[in-house]
Amino acid sequence: MNRAEFSRFQQLTGEGDQTWLTEGTTATGDFYMVYFPIDTMIRAITIGGVVDPVTLVNPRTMAAGTTLYNVTSIRLQNAGTWAVCYTEPS
C-alpha cells in the first residue's frame, strides 16, 4: 500500500470499527460504508435490506475507489479481491 492509499484509509476510518475482507470472505453487519481500494468482484450483496439478485448469478465487479453505503451483507469472489467495511462508532 502506498502513502496516498494509506492516507485515504485514515480519512475514511473515522471513529468506528473496520472489517477488512479478503478473497472469498463474507461479512454481515450494519456497515454505513464499504470501500473497494482495488477492482473487486462481489458474489453477493445486500444494501438497505435488498438483495442484489444479479450478483447471485454473475459476480459483479466494483471498480477501484468505489464506495457503497448502507450495506448489511457482502460476500467477495475468490482471487485477488478485498474491501473495507466501516461501522458507526458506538
Protein backbone atom coordinates (compact mmCIF):
# COMPACT_ATOMS: atom_id res chain seq x y z
CA MET A 1 0.00 0.00 0.00
CA ASN A 2 1.48 3.34 -0.99
CA ARG A 3 1.38 6.55 1.06
CA ALA A 4 -1.61 8.03 -0.80
CA GLU A 5 -3.72 4.89 -0.25
CA PHE A 6 -2.77 4.83 3.43
CA SER A 7 -3.83 8.47 3.83
CA ARG A 8 -7.17 7.72 2.13
CA PHE A 9 -7.82 4.87 4.58
CA GLN A 10 -7.03 7.13 7.52
CA GLN A 11 -9.54 9.70 6.26
CA LEU A 12 -12.23 7.05 5.84
CA THR A 13 -11.63 5.41 9.20
CA GLY A 14 -13.25 7.96 11.46
CA GLU A 15 -14.18 6.70 14.93
CA GLY A 16 -15.97 3.46 14.02
CA ASP A 17 -14.69 -0.09 13.56
CA GLN A 18 -13.35 -1.56 10.34
CA THR A 19 -13.78 -5.03 8.90
CA TRP A 20 -11.24 -5.92 6.21
CA LEU A 21 -12.46 -8.54 3.75
CA THR A 22 -10.22 -10.60 1.51
CA GLU A 23 -10.70 -13.28 -1.12
CA GLY A 24 -13.86 -15.35 -0.74
CA THR A 25 -14.92 -13.95 2.65
CA THR A 26 -18.37 -12.94 3.82
CA ALA A 27 -19.33 -10.25 6.33
CA THR A 28 -22.64 -9.22 7.82
CA GLY A 29 -23.29 -6.17 9.94
CA ASP A 30 -24.58 -2.63 9.85
CA PHE A 31 -21.91 -1.13 7.60
CA TYR A 32 -22.52 2.52 6.82
CA MET A 33 -19.84 2.34 4.13
CA VAL A 34 -17.91 -0.27 2.13
CA TYR A 35 -14.85 0.89 0.22
CA PHE A 36 -13.12 -1.04 -2.58
CA PRO A 37 -9.46 0.04 -2.89
CA ILE A 38 -8.84 -2.25 -5.88
CA ASP A 39 -11.08 -3.70 -8.60
CA THR A 40 -13.09 -6.30 -6.67
CA MET A 41 -15.61 -8.93 -7.71
CA ILE A 42 -18.53 -9.39 -5.35
CA ARG A 43 -20.54 -12.59 -5.27
CA ALA A 44 -23.47 -11.40 -3.12
CA ILE A 45 -24.52 -8.11 -1.55
CA THR A 46 -27.43 -6.73 0.44
CA ILE A 47 -27.91 -2.96 0.55
CA GLY A 48 -30.61 -1.38 2.68
CA GLY A 49 -32.19 -4.79 3.21
CA VAL A 50 -32.48 -5.52 -0.53
CA VAL A 51 -30.52 -8.41 -2.05
CA ASP A 52 -28.94 -7.70 -5.44
CA PRO A 53 -30.17 -10.69 -7.49
CA VAL A 54 -27.62 -10.15 -10.29
CA THR A 55 -24.64 -10.93 -8.06
CA LEU A 56 -26.17 -14.27 -7.08
CA VAL A 57 -25.93 -15.45 -10.70
CA ASN A 58 -22.98 -13.45 -12.07
CA PRO A 59 -20.33 -11.79 -9.93
CA ARG A 60 -20.29 -8.00 -10.23
CA THR A 61 -17.04 -6.05 -10.50
CA MET A 62 -16.71 -2.95 -8.35
CA ALA A 63 -14.13 -0.53 -9.73
CA ALA A 64 -11.24 0.60 -7.54
CA GLY A 65 -12.30 3.60 -5.48
CA THR A 66 -16.00 2.66 -5.40
CA THR A 67 -17.85 3.32 -2.15
CA LEU A 68 -21.22 1.77 -1.27
CA TYR A 69 -23.45 2.79 1.63
CA ASN A 70 -25.91 1.01 3.97
CA VAL A 71 -24.53 -2.47 3.27
CA THR A 72 -25.75 -5.24 5.60
CA SER A 73 -24.14 -8.25 3.93
CA ILE A 74 -21.39 -8.79 1.38
CA ARG A 75 -19.51 -11.78 0.00
CA LEU A 76 -16.43 -11.39 -2.15
CA GLN A 77 -15.41 -13.57 -5.07
CA ASN A 78 -12.21 -15.58 -4.79
CA ALA A 79 -8.78 -14.49 -6.06
CA GLY A 80 -7.37 -11.02 -5.64
CA THR A 81 -10.31 -9.16 -4.11
CA TRP A 82 -10.70 -7.10 -0.97
CA ALA A 83 -12.83 -4.42 0.66
CA VAL A 84 -13.00 -2.38 3.84
CA CYS A 85 -16.33 -2.22 5.73
CA TYR A 86 -16.91 0.62 8.21
CA THR A 87 -19.36 0.78 11.12
CA GLU A 88 -20.53 3.84 13.03
CA PRO A 89 -18.92 4.44 16.41
CA SER A 90 -20.93 3.16 19.35
